[in-house]
Amino acid sequence: MERRSAGIEAINFYGGSTYVDVTELAQYRQLDNERFANLLMHEKSVALPFEDPVSFAVNAAKPLVDALAPQDRDRIEMLITCTESGIDFGKSISTYVHDHLGLSRNCRLFEVKNACFSGTAGFQNAVNFVLSQVSPGAKALVVATDMARFRVAEGGDALSEDWSFAEPSGGAGAVAMLVSDTPHIFSVDVGANGSYGYEVMDTCRPVPDSEAGNADLSLMSYLDCCEAAYRAYERRVDGVDYRTTFDYLSFHTPFGGMVKGAHRTMMRRICKAKAPAVEEDFGRRVAPGLAYCQRVGNIMGGTVFLNLLSTIAHGDFDAPRRIGIFSYGSGCCSEFYSGVATQGSRHRVRAMGIDKVLDDRYRLSIEQYLRLMKENDVIAFGTRNVELQLDVVPEVLDSIRGTGRLVLERINEFHREYAWI
């Protein structure tokens, strides 16, 4: 029987227009130095009032779509947006994304919400669509887009401890992936999946624009799922060895310290490894995936794919390498799966110049950052009418004008209207 291939044909990341130095932010918030250091964070992308999940998604996906010949563009027959930053309980943001990308109307479009697992849920759906061959040669576009917006609570005496430590790690960004039967970037190991999930109230969004949860419970659930999902994978794939089967490991990365703790736990429980061996293995197989995440923060459903991008960009792919991937979403659902990247994958990813993309963001001062927190109140879930002020930070507008990015211009009777600048 012919072996079918599926995976990521092309991929792109969009990390917004601005960032804040999280060490500077932690000092301003007077966070405990030792606890903050354990986050392993350097910078985080910050969403401006005129940036939303739709604009992020379109700005991530447009270069992929523009690079396709017209006949290939029309073979995008499925568009999945993956987010926990939705803007309507009924209308999918995929409709806006579809419109601004100019995709064919003969396209299935819908939205997936499942906390930080949403990106993997959308990706696996797309992979199975391609493998099914119900429409031979068809492609699927998957876009994971999210942002953490922190607001100042009027009348509050102080920030809660959990909120304070979530703030430096909560980022903004989008990852767009073209999924097809020509997986130039990442070819999935078909059928090599282990899933694990159960009900837990670790982290949630009980109201649309605010997060809540239990940080300690979230950590324990993440660790529990990491081992259990891998064990499920192990039962389905013969001869798997956590230490030797995977050349690299990509984890969902709420912050680097959480990944380091999970990997340490896995090495101790599964491989019975001692501290020096664990540290060496972390540096060799896991650390390459953290570089971009440390500069962007947690972008929820897209984070595991940002980690994958970083792994491919910073790893050694002179020969094909197998990457094990752990995806987790609060609430909870998790999955361990795998695939192969090659030297060609690395060339394509490095050609994206993600380091320069991150370097080109405008660095916000703490004063500007605090002002943005207040300005973000002008738009929220359910906003009916508003005209966005594009020059809330004039220096940012000057830096992105003429780059052809999509921004939110106004909301008119709940309908979001965008403009290219």
Protein backbone atom coordinates (compact mmCIF):
# COMPACT_ATOMS: atom_id res chain seq x y z
CA MET A 1 0.00 0.00 0.00
CA GLU A 2 1.34 3.43 -0.94
CA ARG A 3 2.54 5.44 2.04
CA ARG A 4 0.89 8.85 2.12
CA SER A 5 2.63 11.98 3.36
CA ALA A 6 1.18 15.05 5.03
CA GLY A 7 2.44 17.90 7.10
CA ILE A 8 3.58 21.49 6.92
CA GLU A 9 4.31 22.68 3.39
CA ALA A 10 4.99 26.28 4.43
CA ILE A 11 4.85 28.22 7.68
CA ASN A 12 5.06 31.83 8.82
CA PHE A 13 5.11 33.66 12.14
CA TYR A 14 3.89 37.16 12.94
CA GLY A 15 4.89 38.65 16.29
CA GLY A 16 3.28 42.05 16.20
CA SER A 17 4.79 45.52 16.18
CA THR A 18 6.04 46.04 19.72
CA TYR A 19 7.61 44.30 22.68
CA VAL A 20 8.58 44.99 26.25
CA ASP A 21 11.71 43.83 28.07
CA VAL A 22 10.31 41.50 30.73
CA THR A 23 13.27 41.91 33.10
CA GLU A 24 12.55 45.63 33.15
CA LEU A 25 8.85 44.88 33.67
CA ALA A 26 9.59 42.45 36.51
CA GLN A 27 11.74 45.04 38.24
CA TYR A 28 8.98 47.63 37.91
CA ARG A 29 6.43 45.16 39.34
CA GLN A 30 8.93 44.28 42.11
CA LEU A 31 8.65 40.57 41.44
CA ASP A 32 10.76 38.09 43.36
CA ASN A 33 14.04 37.86 41.43
CA GLU A 34 14.60 34.13 41.92
CA ARG A 35 11.07 33.18 40.96
CA PHE A 36 11.16 35.47 37.93
CA ALA A 37 14.49 33.98 36.78
CA ASN A 38 12.82 30.57 36.68
CA LEU A 39 10.51 31.80 33.92
CA LEU A 40 13.49 31.89 31.48
CA MET A 41 11.87 34.84 29.66
CA HIS A 42 13.56 37.82 27.96
CA GLU A 43 10.94 39.74 25.97
CA LYS A 44 7.24 39.57 25.18
CA SER A 45 5.25 40.84 22.23
CA VAL A 46 2.56 43.36 23.14
CA ALA A 47 -0.64 43.89 21.16
CA LEU A 48 -1.64 47.47 20.37
CA PRO A 49 -5.31 48.55 20.47
CA PHE A 50 -5.53 48.37 16.66
CA GLU A 51 -4.15 44.82 16.62
CA ASP A 52 -6.50 41.89 17.21
CA PRO A 53 -6.62 38.14 16.50
CA VAL A 54 -7.85 38.78 12.96
CA SER A 55 -5.08 41.23 12.00
CA PHE A 56 -2.46 38.97 13.56
CA ALA A 57 -3.82 35.96 11.67
CA VAL A 58 -3.93 37.73 8.31
CA ASN A 59 -0.45 39.22 8.74
CA ALA A 60 0.91 35.74 9.49
CA ALA A 61 -0.88 33.99 6.63
CA LYS A 62 -0.65 36.56 3.83
CA PRO A 63 3.00 35.84 2.85
CA LEU A 64 2.14 32.14 2.49
CA VAL A 65 -0.87 32.83 0.30
CA ASP A 66 0.90 35.48 -1.78
CA ALA A 67 3.73 33.04 -2.55
CA LEU A 68 1.33 30.57 -4.19
CA ALA A 69 0.46 30.49 -7.86
CA PRO A 70 -3.25 31.28 -8.46
CA GLN A 71 -4.08 27.64 -9.19
CA ASP A 72 -2.39 26.52 -5.96
CA ARG A 73 -4.13 29.24 -3.96
CA ASP A 74 -7.48 27.89 -5.16
CA ARG A 75 -6.52 24.46 -3.80
CA ILE A 76 -6.80 25.82 -0.24
CA GLU A 77 -10.08 24.07 0.51
CA MET A 78 -10.06 24.39 4.29
CA LEU A 79 -9.27 27.32 6.57
CA ILE A 80 -9.10 26.70 10.32
CA THR A 81 -8.52 29.51 12.79
CA CYS A 82 -7.41 28.39 16.24
CA THR A 83 -7.78 30.80 19.14
CA GLU A 84 -8.90 31.41 22.68
CA SER A 85 -9.08 35.14 21.84
CA GLY A 86 -12.27 34.93 19.81
CA ILE A 87 -14.28 38.08 19.13
CA ASP A 88 -17.79 36.66 18.82
CA PHE A 89 -19.68 33.70 20.33
CA GLY A 90 -21.07 32.76 16.92
CA LYS A 91 -19.19 34.39 14.05
CA SER A 92 -15.83 32.76 13.38
CA ILE A 93 -12.77 34.95 12.86
CA SER A 94 -11.97 32.64 9.95
CA THR A 95 -14.56 34.59 7.93
CA TYR A 96 -12.56 37.82 8.26
CA VAL A 97 -9.27 36.00 7.57
CA HIS A 98 -10.74 34.29 4.51
CA ASP A 99 -11.97 37.61 3.14
CA HIS A 100 -8.75 39.58 3.61
CA LEU A 101 -6.64 36.79 2.12
CA GLY A 102 -8.85 36.65 -0.97
CA LEU A 103 -9.32 32.88 -0.81
CA SER A 104 -11.72 30.90 -2.96
CA ARG A 105 -15.31 30.78 -1.77
CA ASN A 106 -15.25 27.03 -2.29
CA CYS A 107 -13.52 26.65 1.04
CA ARG A 108 -14.60 25.16 4.37
CA LEU A 109 -13.86 27.70 7.11
CA PHE A 110 -14.32 27.39 10.85
CA GLU A 111 -12.80 28.15 14.25
CA VAL A 112 -11.37 25.89 16.96
CA LYS A 113 -11.30 26.84 20.64
CA ASN A 114 -9.57 24.55 23.14
CA ALA A 115 -7.17 26.73 25.16
CA CYS A 116 -3.54 26.25 24.09
CA PHE A 117 -4.35 22.90 22.46
CA SER A 118 -6.34 24.65 19.72
CA GLY A 119 -3.40 24.93 17.31
CA THR A 120 -2.67 21.21 17.45
CA ALA A 121 -6.39 20.40 17.18
CA GLY A 122 -6.60 22.46 13.99
CA PHE A 123 -3.33 21.07 12.64
CA GLN A 124 -4.32 17.43 13.18
CA ASN A 125 -7.72 18.09 11.60
CA ALA A 126 -5.96 19.52 8.54
CA VAL A 127 -3.47 16.63 8.37
CA ASN A 128 -6.30 14.08 8.43
CA PHE A 129 -8.17 16.03 5.73
CA VAL A 130 -5.12 15.79 3.48
CA LEU A 131 -4.50 12.11 4.29
CA SER A 132 -8.13 11.23 3.61
CA GLN A 133 -7.66 12.13 -0.06
CA VAL A 134 -11.32 13.13 -0.32
CA SER A 135 -10.00 15.95 -2.52
CA PRO A 136 -6.60 14.84 -3.88
CA GLY A 137 -4.06 17.65 -3.94
CA ALA A 138 -6.10 19.95 -1.70
CA LYS A 139 -4.40 22.14 0.92
CA ALA A 140 -5.54 23.41 4.29
CA LEU A 141 -4.55 26.69 5.92
CA VAL A 142 -4.31 26.57 9.72
CA VAL A 143 -3.78 29.80 11.67
CA ALA A 144 -3.27 29.87 15.44
CA THR A 145 -3.70 33.45 16.66
CA ASP A 146 -3.86 34.74 20.22
CA MET A 147 -2.97 37.60 22.49
CA ALA A 148 -2.84 38.21 26.21
CA ARG A 149 -4.10 41.67 27.09
CA PHE A 150 -3.60 42.78 30.67
CA ARG A 151 -5.73 45.60 32.00
CA VAL A 152 -5.45 47.78 35.07
CA ALA A 153 -8.29 46.99 37.46
CA GLU A 154 -9.75 50.24 38.77
CA GLY A 155 -9.96 50.33 42.56
CA GLY A 156 -7.64 47.37 43.04
CA ASP A 157 -5.06 47.67 45.78
CA ALA A 158 -2.43 45.51 44.11
CA LEU A 159 -1.85 42.91 41.45
CA SER A 160 -2.39 39.36 42.60
CA GLU A 161 0.74 37.21 42.79
CA ASP A 162 -0.43 34.80 40.11
CA TRP A 163 -1.41 37.68 37.79
CA SER A 164 1.95 39.34 38.32
CA PHE A 165 3.88 36.29 37.20
CA ALA A 166 1.54 35.58 34.29
CA GLU A 167 2.04 39.09 32.94
CA PRO A 168 5.71 38.70 31.90
CA SER A 169 5.00 35.46 30.03
CA GLY A 170 1.73 36.35 28.28
CA GLY A 171 2.54 37.30 24.68
CA ALA A 172 0.85 37.98 21.35
CA GLY A 173 1.34 36.49 17.93
CA ALA A 174 0.16 34.14 15.21
CA VAL A 175 1.54 31.13 13.37
CA ALA A 176 0.13 30.24 9.94
CA MET A 177 0.70 26.82 8.39
CA LEU A 178 -0.09 25.52 4.94
CA VAL A 179 -0.82 21.81 5.34
CA SER A 180 -0.57 19.55 2.29
CA ASP A 181 0.83 16.31 0.87
CA THR A 182 4.13 18.06 0.07
CA PRO A 183 5.46 18.70 3.60
CA HIS A 184 8.63 20.69 2.91
CA ILE A 185 8.91 21.91 6.52
CA PHE A 186 7.64 19.06 8.70
CA SER A 187 6.38 15.62 7.68
CA VAL A 188 4.18 14.01 10.33
CA ASP A 189 4.65 10.42 11.42
CA VAL A 190 1.24 9.19 10.32
CA GLY A 191 -0.59 7.36 13.09
CA ALA A 192 2.05 8.18 15.71
CA ASN A 193 -0.11 10.07 18.21
CA GLY A 194 -0.84 9.76 21.90
CA SER A 195 -3.68 11.78 23.43
CA TYR A 196 -4.64 12.37 27.06
CA GLY A 197 -7.24 14.66 28.60
CA TYR A 198 -9.63 15.15 31.51
CA GLU A 199 -11.63 17.88 33.23
CA VAL A 200 -9.57 20.23 35.38
CA MET A 201 -10.04 23.90 36.31
CA ASP A 202 -6.42 24.96 35.98
CA THR A 203 -6.49 27.99 33.66
CA CYS A 204 -9.58 29.38 31.98
CA ARG A 205 -11.30 32.47 30.58
CA PRO A 206 -14.60 32.63 32.44
CA VAL A 207 -15.21 36.05 30.89
CA PRO A 208 -14.00 36.87 27.37
CA ASP A 209 -11.27 39.39 28.21
CA SER A 210 -9.75 38.02 31.39
CA GLU A 211 -7.96 34.89 32.51
CA ALA A 212 -8.29 33.09 35.82
CA GLY A 213 -6.95 29.91 37.29
CA ASN A 214 -4.61 28.11 39.63
CA ALA A 215 -0.96 28.30 38.60
CA ASP A 216 0.15 25.33 40.72
CA LEU A 217 -2.69 23.14 39.44
CA SER A 218 -1.83 24.12 35.86
CA LEU A 219 1.77 23.04 36.35
CA MET A 220 0.74 19.69 37.82
CA SER A 221 -1.76 19.07 35.02
CA TYR A 222 0.87 19.93 32.39
CA LEU A 223 3.35 17.47 33.96
CA ASP A 224 0.72 14.77 34.32
CA CYS A 225 -0.37 15.11 30.70
CA CYS A 226 3.18 15.19 29.38
CA GLU A 227 3.94 11.74 30.72
CA ALA A 228 0.50 10.26 30.06
CA ALA A 229 0.32 11.50 26.44
CA TYR A 230 3.81 10.14 25.78
CA ARG A 231 2.84 6.79 27.33
CA ALA A 232 -0.18 6.67 25.00
CA TYR A 233 2.15 7.38 22.06
CA GLU A 234 4.51 4.68 23.30
CA ARG A 235 1.72 2.09 23.30
CA ARG A 236 0.88 2.86 19.67
CA VAL A 237 4.40 2.99 18.23
CA ASP A 238 6.68 -0.04 18.47
CA GLY A 239 10.21 0.33 19.79
CA VAL A 240 9.94 3.92 21.01
CA ASP A 241 12.57 5.21 23.43
CA TYR A 242 12.10 8.71 24.87
CA ARG A 243 15.84 9.25 25.03
CA THR A 244 16.92 7.95 21.62
CA THR A 245 13.93 7.98 19.23
CA PHE A 246 13.66 11.77 19.05
CA ASP A 247 16.57 13.93 17.93
CA TYR A 248 14.73 16.98 19.27
CA LEU A 249 11.76 17.65 21.53
CA SER A 250 9.34 20.56 21.05
CA PHE A 251 7.05 21.47 23.93
CA HIS A 252 4.13 23.82 24.34
CA THR A 253 5.93 26.69 26.10
CA PRO A 254 3.94 28.81 28.55
CA PHE A 255 7.41 29.85 29.73
CA GLY A 256 10.81 28.21 29.45
CA GLY A 257 11.01 27.15 33.08
CA MET A 258 7.86 25.04 32.74
CA VAL A 259 9.38 23.18 29.80
CA LYS A 260 12.63 22.60 31.66
CA GLY A 261 10.72 21.17 34.61
CA ALA A 262 8.63 18.89 32.39
CA HIS A 263 11.66 17.57 30.55
CA ARG A 264 13.50 16.96 33.83
CA THR A 265 10.51 15.01 35.15
CA MET A 266 10.27 12.92 31.97
CA MET A 267 13.96 12.08 31.98
CA ARG A 268 13.88 11.04 35.62
CA ARG A 269 10.68 8.98 35.45
CA ILE A 270 11.08 7.37 32.05
CA CYS A 271 14.85 7.21 31.53
CA LYS A 272 15.94 7.09 35.19
CA ALA A 273 18.50 9.75 34.28
CA LYS A 274 20.60 11.64 36.83
CA ALA A 275 20.98 15.43 37.00
CA PRO A 276 24.10 15.85 34.78
CA ALA A 277 22.58 13.71 32.01
CA VAL A 278 19.27 15.56 32.27
CA GLU A 279 20.99 18.94 31.94
CA GLU A 280 23.03 17.81 28.93
CA ASP A 281 19.98 16.37 27.22
CA PHE A 282 17.99 19.55 27.85
CA GLY A 283 20.70 21.69 26.24
CA ARG A 284 20.98 19.43 23.22
CA ARG A 285 17.41 18.38 22.44
CA VAL A 286 15.10 20.94 24.09
CA ALA A 287 16.83 24.32 24.44
CA PRO A 288 16.96 25.04 20.67
CA GLY A 289 13.16 25.28 20.69
CA LEU A 290 13.00 27.94 23.40
CA ALA A 291 14.86 30.77 21.65
CA TYR A 292 11.89 32.40 19.89
CA CYS A 293 9.43 31.66 22.72
CA GLN A 294 11.72 33.52 25.14
CA ARG A 295 11.35 36.62 22.97
CA VAL A 296 7.60 36.43 22.28
CA GLY A 297 5.89 34.89 25.30
CA ASN A 298 3.03 32.43 25.39
CA ILE A 299 0.85 32.78 22.27
CA MET A 300 -1.44 29.95 23.35
CA GLY A 301 -2.38 27.70 20.40
CA GLY A 302 0.55 28.82 18.28
CA THR A 303 3.24 28.45 20.95
CA VAL A 304 4.11 24.82 20.26
CA PHE A 305 4.60 25.67 16.57
CA LEU A 306 6.76 28.69 17.42
CA ASN A 307 8.83 26.24 19.46
CA LEU A 308 8.97 23.91 16.45
CA LEU A 309 10.14 26.79 14.25
CA SER A 310 12.87 27.61 16.75
CA THR A 311 13.92 23.97 16.94
CA ILE A 312 14.32 23.74 13.18
CA ALA A 313 16.10 27.10 12.94
CA HIS A 314 18.60 26.37 15.73
CA GLY A 315 19.05 22.60 15.46
CA ASP A 316 21.41 20.43 13.41
CA PHE A 317 19.55 19.09 10.39
CA ASP A 318 22.43 17.99 8.17
CA ALA A 319 20.51 14.72 8.09
CA PRO A 320 16.76 14.19 8.60
CA ARG A 321 15.85 14.48 12.28
CA ARG A 322 12.81 13.23 14.14
CA ILE A 323 11.10 15.75 16.45
CA GLY A 324 8.78 14.71 19.26
CA ILE A 325 6.08 17.30 20.01
CA PHE A 326 4.09 17.75 23.21
CA SER A 327 1.03 19.98 23.00
CA TYR A 328 -1.06 20.94 26.04
CA GLY A 329 -4.19 22.99 26.52
CA SER A 330 -5.69 23.84 29.89
CA GLY A 331 -8.96 22.35 30.88
CA CYS A 332 -7.49 19.94 29.61
CA CYS A 333 -6.36 18.08 26.50
CA SER A 334 -2.88 17.07 25.41
CA GLU A 335 -1.15 15.17 22.65
CA PHE A 336 2.30 13.78 21.95
CA TYR A 337 3.09 13.31 18.26
CA SER A 338 6.12 13.36 16.00
CA GLY A 339 7.48 14.03 12.57
CA VAL A 340 10.62 14.62 10.55
CA ALA A 341 12.38 17.81 9.45
CA THR A 342 15.28 17.97 7.02
CA GLN A 343 18.10 20.22 5.87
CA GLY A 344 15.63 21.72 3.38
CA SER A 345 13.31 22.49 6.27
CA ARG A 346 16.06 24.40 8.04
CA HIS A 347 16.94 26.39 4.91
CA ARG A 348 13.32 27.44 4.45
CA VAL A 349 12.85 28.38 8.10
CA ARG A 350 16.10 30.31 8.32
CA ALA A 351 15.18 32.18 5.14
CA MET A 352 12.19 33.61 7.04
CA GLY A 353 14.60 35.72 9.11
CA ILE A 354 12.60 35.43 12.32
CA ASP A 355 15.41 36.95 14.40
CA LYS A 356 15.26 40.10 12.27
CA VAL A 357 11.46 40.14 12.47
CA LEU A 358 11.74 40.15 16.26
CA ASP A 359 14.56 42.70 16.24
CA ASP A 360 12.46 45.06 14.12
CA ARG A 361 9.67 45.34 16.70
CA TYR A 362 9.51 48.64 18.56
CA ARG A 363 10.72 48.43 22.15
CA LEU A 364 8.17 49.95 24.50
CA SER A 365 9.25 51.85 27.57
CA ILE A 366 7.50 50.88 30.78
CA GLU A 367 5.64 54.19 30.64
CA GLN A 368 4.38 53.43 27.12
CA TYR A 369 3.47 49.89 28.13
CA LEU A 370 1.41 51.11 31.09
CA ARG A 371 -0.35 53.63 28.87
CA LEU A 372 -1.24 50.86 26.42
CA MET A 373 -2.81 48.84 29.23
CA LYS A 374 -5.27 51.65 29.77
CA GLU A 375 -5.81 52.28 26.05
CA ASN A 376 -6.67 48.59 25.56
CA ASP A 377 -9.89 49.25 27.45
CA VAL A 378 -11.32 51.02 24.39
CA ILE A 379 -11.95 47.66 22.72
CA ALA A 380 -13.26 44.50 24.30
CA PHE A 381 -15.36 41.45 23.51
CA GLY A 382 -18.76 42.75 22.41
CA THR A 383 -17.66 46.30 21.57
CA ARG A 384 -20.37 47.66 19.29
CA ASN A 385 -18.91 50.88 17.88
CA VAL A 386 -15.45 52.40 18.14
CA GLU A 387 -12.96 54.29 15.99
CA LEU A 388 -9.43 53.13 16.71
CA GLN A 389 -6.64 55.59 17.38
CA LEU A 390 -3.74 54.34 15.28
CA ASP A 391 -1.17 56.75 16.72
CA VAL A 392 -1.55 55.83 20.39
CA VAL A 393 2.22 55.28 20.25
CA PRO A 394 3.24 57.51 17.31
CA GLU A 395 6.70 55.95 17.00
CA VAL A 396 5.14 52.55 16.35
CA LEU A 397 2.85 53.86 13.64
CA ASP A 398 5.85 55.50 11.95
CA SER A 399 7.79 52.23 12.07
CA ILE A 400 5.07 50.07 10.46
CA ARG A 401 3.52 52.51 7.99
CA GLY A 402 4.13 51.32 4.44
CA THR A 403 4.80 47.70 5.45
CA GLY A 404 1.47 46.47 4.08
CA ARG A 405 0.16 45.19 7.39
CA LEU A 406 -3.48 44.81 8.25
CA VAL A 407 -4.78 46.79 11.24
CA LEU A 408 -8.17 47.17 12.87
CA GLU A 409 -9.57 50.57 11.90
CA ARG A 410 -13.04 50.62 13.46
CA ILE A 411 -15.95 48.56 14.72
CA ASN A 412 -19.26 49.56 13.17
CA GLU A 413 -22.34 47.91 14.67
CA PHE A 414 -20.19 44.98 15.84
CA HIS A 415 -18.67 44.52 12.38
CA ARG A 416 -14.89 44.84 12.38
CA GLU A 417 -13.40 46.93 9.59
CA TYR A 418 -9.71 46.73 8.70
CA ALA A 419 -7.21 48.71 6.65
CA TRP A 420 -3.83 48.02 5.09
CA ILE A 421 -1.13 50.46 6.14
